[in-house]
Amino acid sequence: MTTTARTEPCPQPAGVYVPVIDRSRCEGKADCVRVCPVAVFEVRRIDDADFAALSWLGKVKSVAHRRQTAYTPNAEACEACGECVNACPEKAIKLRKLGTR
C-alpha cells in the first residue's frame, strides 16, 4: 500500500476525538499504524480480556490472524484526520468525539 503525506492540517486539535477499534473486525494488518501522522496506533497480540469479549466467530477470526489487533496507546494525540478510518481494509475504526458514546 502506498501512502501520501497530508498536505492540509488535521481538522481538530488533539484530544477532541479518539479512534475506536472494533476488535471483532480488526485483523491487525497495521494500515492504521502506517498512515497515522501522530502515532496513535500499535498492533499487537489481543489482550486476554478483549479476546474473551469477542463472539465465537470473532474469536475464530482473531485466531486466524494470529490474534493480532490494533490498540491506541496514544489516543489522546488523535487529530481526527480520518486517515486510519480510510486506510482500514476491515472498516474496523471509527472516530468518536470524547464525551459521547
Protein backbone atom coordinates (compact mmCIF):
# COMPACT_ATOMS: atom_id res chain seq x y z
CA MET A 1 0.00 0.00 0.00
CA THR A 2 1.28 3.44 -0.90
CA THR A 3 0.59 6.36 1.40
CA THR A 4 0.93 10.04 0.75
CA ALA A 5 1.67 12.79 3.23
CA ARG A 6 -1.21 15.04 4.22
CA THR A 7 -0.93 18.49 2.74
CA GLU A 8 -3.64 20.11 4.85
CA PRO A 9 -3.81 20.27 8.64
CA CYS A 10 -5.95 17.80 10.55
CA PRO A 11 -9.42 19.14 11.29
CA GLN A 12 -9.34 19.01 15.11
CA PRO A 13 -6.89 19.74 17.88
CA ALA A 14 -5.62 16.68 19.73
CA GLY A 15 -7.96 15.26 22.35
CA VAL A 16 -11.33 16.09 20.78
CA TYR A 17 -11.81 12.72 19.02
CA VAL A 18 -10.41 9.25 19.68
CA PRO A 19 -10.28 6.24 17.38
CA VAL A 20 -12.35 3.25 18.50
CA ILE A 21 -11.38 -0.22 17.27
CA ASP A 22 -13.98 -2.90 16.57
CA ARG A 23 -11.92 -5.92 17.66
CA SER A 24 -14.33 -8.35 16.03
CA ARG A 25 -13.38 -6.82 12.65
CA CYS A 26 -9.72 -5.84 13.12
CA GLU A 27 -7.26 -8.26 11.52
CA GLY A 28 -4.11 -6.48 12.71
CA LYS A 29 -2.88 -5.55 9.24
CA ALA A 30 -1.35 -2.30 10.60
CA ASP A 31 -2.54 0.03 7.85
CA CYS A 32 -3.63 2.39 10.63
CA VAL A 33 -0.11 2.39 12.07
CA ARG A 34 1.38 3.29 8.70
CA VAL A 35 -0.95 6.19 7.89
CA CYS A 36 -1.42 7.86 11.28
CA PRO A 37 0.50 11.16 11.28
CA VAL A 38 0.64 11.33 15.09
CA ALA A 39 1.49 7.69 16.02
CA VAL A 40 -1.78 6.85 17.79
CA PHE A 41 -1.77 3.11 16.92
CA GLU A 42 0.15 -0.06 17.59
CA VAL A 43 -0.63 -3.61 16.52
CA ARG A 44 -0.01 -6.41 18.98
CA ARG A 45 -1.49 -9.60 20.41
CA ILE A 46 -5.04 -9.08 21.63
CA ASP A 47 -5.35 -8.84 25.42
CA ASP A 48 -6.97 -11.88 27.04
CA ALA A 49 -9.92 -9.82 28.33
CA ASP A 50 -10.57 -8.34 24.88
CA PHE A 51 -10.32 -11.79 23.30
CA ALA A 52 -12.78 -13.23 25.86
CA ALA A 53 -15.28 -10.47 24.99
CA LEU A 54 -15.35 -11.45 21.29
CA SER A 55 -18.17 -13.54 19.84
CA TRP A 56 -17.41 -17.11 18.83
CA LEU A 57 -16.95 -16.00 15.22
CA GLY A 58 -14.79 -13.08 16.34
CA LYS A 59 -12.53 -15.47 18.27
CA VAL A 60 -12.14 -17.73 15.23
CA LYS A 61 -11.27 -14.75 13.06
CA SER A 62 -8.81 -13.44 15.65
CA VAL A 63 -7.02 -16.79 15.88
CA ALA A 64 -6.85 -16.99 12.08
CA HIS A 65 -5.00 -13.65 12.14
CA ARG A 66 -2.52 -14.68 14.84
CA ARG A 67 -4.58 -12.84 17.50
CA GLN A 68 -3.21 -9.52 16.24
CA THR A 69 -5.25 -6.35 16.67
CA ALA A 70 -4.79 -2.60 16.77
CA TYR A 71 -4.62 -0.68 20.03
CA THR A 72 -4.49 3.07 20.61
CA PRO A 73 -1.91 3.75 23.34
CA ASN A 74 -1.61 7.36 22.18
CA ALA A 75 -5.33 8.03 21.53
CA GLU A 76 -5.19 11.47 23.14
CA ALA A 77 -2.92 12.63 20.30
CA CYS A 78 -5.60 11.94 17.64
CA GLU A 79 -6.38 14.98 15.49
CA ALA A 80 -9.33 13.40 13.66
CA CYS A 81 -7.72 13.42 10.22
CA GLY A 82 -9.59 10.20 9.34
CA GLU A 83 -6.62 8.59 7.59
CA CYS A 84 -6.95 5.47 9.77
CA VAL A 85 -10.67 5.14 9.01
CA ASN A 86 -9.99 5.36 5.27
CA ALA A 87 -6.98 3.01 5.37
CA CYS A 88 -8.53 0.18 7.39
CA PRO A 89 -9.46 -2.62 4.97
CA GLU A 90 -11.85 -4.18 7.52
CA LYS A 91 -13.61 -0.88 8.32
CA ALA A 92 -12.82 -1.59 11.98
CA ILE A 93 -12.07 2.01 13.03
CA LYS A 94 -14.45 4.81 13.84
CA LEU A 95 -13.71 8.22 15.31
CA ARG A 96 -15.69 9.09 18.43
CA LYS A 97 -15.95 12.54 19.90
CA LEU A 98 -14.89 12.47 23.54
CA GLY A 99 -17.83 12.72 25.88
CA THR A 100 -20.17 10.83 23.51
CA ARG A 101 -20.98 7.16 23.16
